[in-house]
């Protein structure tokens, strides 16, 4: 998987939960109000990873709006909004 940058995250408006939890991207420079945090849903760990990323982001001024599974890819997305 290519390394996520603030430019790629801003362009796609999405970031992986792993990148959030490993603090690979400084989201203070993110220019939009909404952000999708993607986590692989296989094996049931996706919801845990998505919510852990949402909890981490809540300390940085983000709030969880919804968690949804997108398409047949078995990817969960935690939809976040900056407060």
C-alpha atoms as a PDB file:
ATOM      1  CA  UNK A   1       0.000   0.000   0.000  1.00  0.00           C
ATOM      2  CA  UNK A   2       1.383   3.433  -0.893  1.00  0.00           C
ATOM      3  CA  UNK A   3       2.293   5.694   1.990  1.00  0.00           C
ATOM      4  CA  UNK A   4      -0.489   8.111   2.836  1.00  0.00           C
ATOM      5  CA  UNK A   5       0.305  11.819   2.767  1.00  0.00           C
ATOM      6  CA  UNK A   6      -1.793  14.806   3.733  1.00  0.00           C
ATOM      7  CA  UNK A   7      -2.169  15.575   0.002  1.00  0.00           C
ATOM      8  CA  UNK A   8      -3.479  12.096  -0.822  1.00  0.00           C
ATOM      9  CA  UNK A   9      -5.793  12.144   2.191  1.00  0.00           C
ATOM     10  CA  UNK A  10      -7.135  15.586   1.237  1.00  0.00           C
ATOM     11  CA  UNK A  11      -7.667  14.469  -2.365  1.00  0.00           C
ATOM     12  CA  UNK A  12      -9.557  11.267  -1.468  1.00  0.00           C
ATOM     13  CA  UNK A  13     -11.057  12.559   1.806  1.00  0.00           C
ATOM     14  CA  UNK A  14     -10.182   9.169   3.299  1.00  0.00           C
ATOM     15  CA  UNK A  15      -7.440   7.685   5.441  1.00  0.00           C
ATOM     16  CA  UNK A  16      -6.831   4.204   6.773  1.00  0.00           C
ATOM     17  CA  UNK A  17      -7.426   3.508  10.432  1.00  0.00           C
ATOM     18  CA  UNK A  18      -3.903   2.078  10.592  1.00  0.00           C
ATOM     19  CA  UNK A  19      -2.426   5.412   9.422  1.00  0.00           C
ATOM     20  CA  UNK A  20      -4.443   7.246  12.086  1.00  0.00           C
ATOM     21  CA  UNK A  21      -3.419   4.864  14.871  1.00  0.00           C
ATOM     22  CA  UNK A  22       0.237   4.902  13.805  1.00  0.00           C
ATOM     23  CA  UNK A  23       0.089   8.718  13.514  1.00  0.00           C
ATOM     24  CA  UNK A  24       1.513   8.634   9.979  1.00  0.00           C
ATOM     25  CA  UNK A  25      -0.336  11.767   8.783  1.00  0.00           C
ATOM     26  CA  UNK A  26      -0.717  15.078  10.605  1.00  0.00           C
ATOM     27  CA  UNK A  27      -4.428  15.792  10.146  1.00  0.00           C
ATOM     28  CA  UNK A  28      -4.121  19.333  11.517  1.00  0.00           C
ATOM     29  CA  UNK A  29      -3.325  20.334   7.915  1.00  0.00           C
ATOM     30  CA  UNK A  30      -6.393  18.513   6.521  1.00  0.00           C
ATOM     31  CA  UNK A  31      -8.447  21.173   4.672  1.00  0.00           C
ATOM     32  CA  UNK A  32     -11.942  19.617   4.806  1.00  0.00           C
ATOM     33  CA  UNK A  33     -14.552  19.239   7.535  1.00  0.00           C
ATOM     34  CA  UNK A  34     -15.434  15.569   6.867  1.00  0.00           C
ATOM     35  CA  UNK A  35     -13.166  12.530   6.699  1.00  0.00           C
ATOM     36  CA  UNK A  36     -13.700   8.806   6.129  1.00  0.00           C
ATOM     37  CA  UNK A  37     -11.519   6.419   8.145  1.00  0.00           C
ATOM     38  CA  UNK A  38     -11.287   3.036   6.420  1.00  0.00           C
ATOM     39  CA  UNK A  39     -10.705  -0.276   8.194  1.00  0.00           C
ATOM     40  CA  UNK A  40     -10.709  -3.788   6.761  1.00  0.00           C
ATOM     41  CA  UNK A  41     -13.789  -5.642   8.026  1.00  0.00           C
ATOM     42  CA  UNK A  42     -12.375  -9.147   7.612  1.00  0.00           C
ATOM     43  CA  UNK A  43     -12.214 -11.211  10.769  1.00  0.00           C
ATOM     44  CA  UNK A  44     -14.285  -8.777  12.810  1.00  0.00           C
ATOM     45  CA  UNK A  45     -11.302  -6.595  13.679  1.00  0.00           C
ATOM     46  CA  UNK A  46     -12.457  -3.795  11.372  1.00  0.00           C
ATOM     47  CA  UNK A  47     -15.019  -2.337  13.751  1.00  0.00           C
ATOM     48  CA  UNK A  48     -12.514  -2.355  16.583  1.00  0.00           C
ATOM     49  CA  UNK A  49      -9.878  -0.654  14.442  1.00  0.00           C
ATOM     50  CA  UNK A  50     -12.334   1.912  13.024  1.00  0.00           C
ATOM     51  CA  UNK A  51     -13.625   2.826  16.487  1.00  0.00           C
ATOM     52  CA  UNK A  52     -10.119   2.974  17.961  1.00  0.00           C
ATOM     53  CA  UNK A  53      -9.179   5.465  15.236  1.00  0.00           C
ATOM     54  CA  UNK A  54     -12.391   7.430  15.918  1.00  0.00           C
ATOM     55  CA  UNK A  55     -11.559   7.524  19.641  1.00  0.00           C
ATOM     56  CA  UNK A  56      -8.057   8.774  18.867  1.00  0.00           C
ATOM     57  CA  UNK A  57      -9.397  11.468  16.532  1.00  0.00           C
ATOM     58  CA  UNK A  58     -11.989  12.576  19.096  1.00  0.00           C
ATOM     59  CA  UNK A  59      -9.112  13.918  21.199  1.00  0.00           C
ATOM     60  CA  UNK A  60      -8.073  16.027  18.203  1.00  0.00           C
ATOM     61  CA  UNK A  61     -11.408  17.767  17.650  1.00  0.00           C
ATOM     62  CA  UNK A  62     -13.212  15.201  15.477  1.00  0.00           C
ATOM     63  CA  UNK A  63     -16.555  13.534  16.172  1.00  0.00           C
ATOM     64  CA  UNK A  64     -17.878  10.242  14.882  1.00  0.00           C
ATOM     65  CA  UNK A  65     -20.947  10.638  12.672  1.00  0.00           C
ATOM     66  CA  UNK A  66     -21.518   7.077  11.438  1.00  0.00           C
ATOM     67  CA  UNK A  67     -19.872   3.738  10.735  1.00  0.00           C
ATOM     68  CA  UNK A  68     -20.810   2.025   7.512  1.00  0.00           C
ATOM     69  CA  UNK A  69     -19.687  -0.861   5.337  1.00  0.00           C
ATOM     70  CA  UNK A  70     -19.048   0.289   1.792  1.00  0.00           C
ATOM     71  CA  UNK A  71     -19.789  -1.972  -1.173  1.00  0.00           C
ATOM     72  CA  UNK A  72     -18.678  -5.555  -1.395  1.00  0.00           C
ATOM     73  CA  UNK A  73     -15.108  -4.721  -0.399  1.00  0.00           C
ATOM     74  CA  UNK A  74     -15.811  -5.518   3.272  1.00  0.00           C
ATOM     75  CA  UNK A  75     -14.294  -2.186   4.257  1.00  0.00           C
ATOM     76  CA  UNK A  76     -15.793  -0.291   7.166  1.00  0.00           C
ATOM     77  CA  UNK A  77     -15.714   3.498   7.115  1.00  0.00           C
ATOM     78  CA  UNK A  78     -15.974   5.626  10.234  1.00  0.00           C
ATOM     79  CA  UNK A  79     -17.349   8.943   9.003  1.00  0.00           C
ATOM     80  CA  UNK A  80     -15.836  11.788  10.996  1.00  0.00           C
ATOM     81  CA  UNK A  81     -16.632  15.515  11.233  1.00  0.00           C
ATOM     82  CA  UNK A  82     -14.302  18.153  12.569  1.00  0.00           C
ATOM     83  CA  UNK A  83     -15.910  20.126  15.388  1.00  0.00           C
END
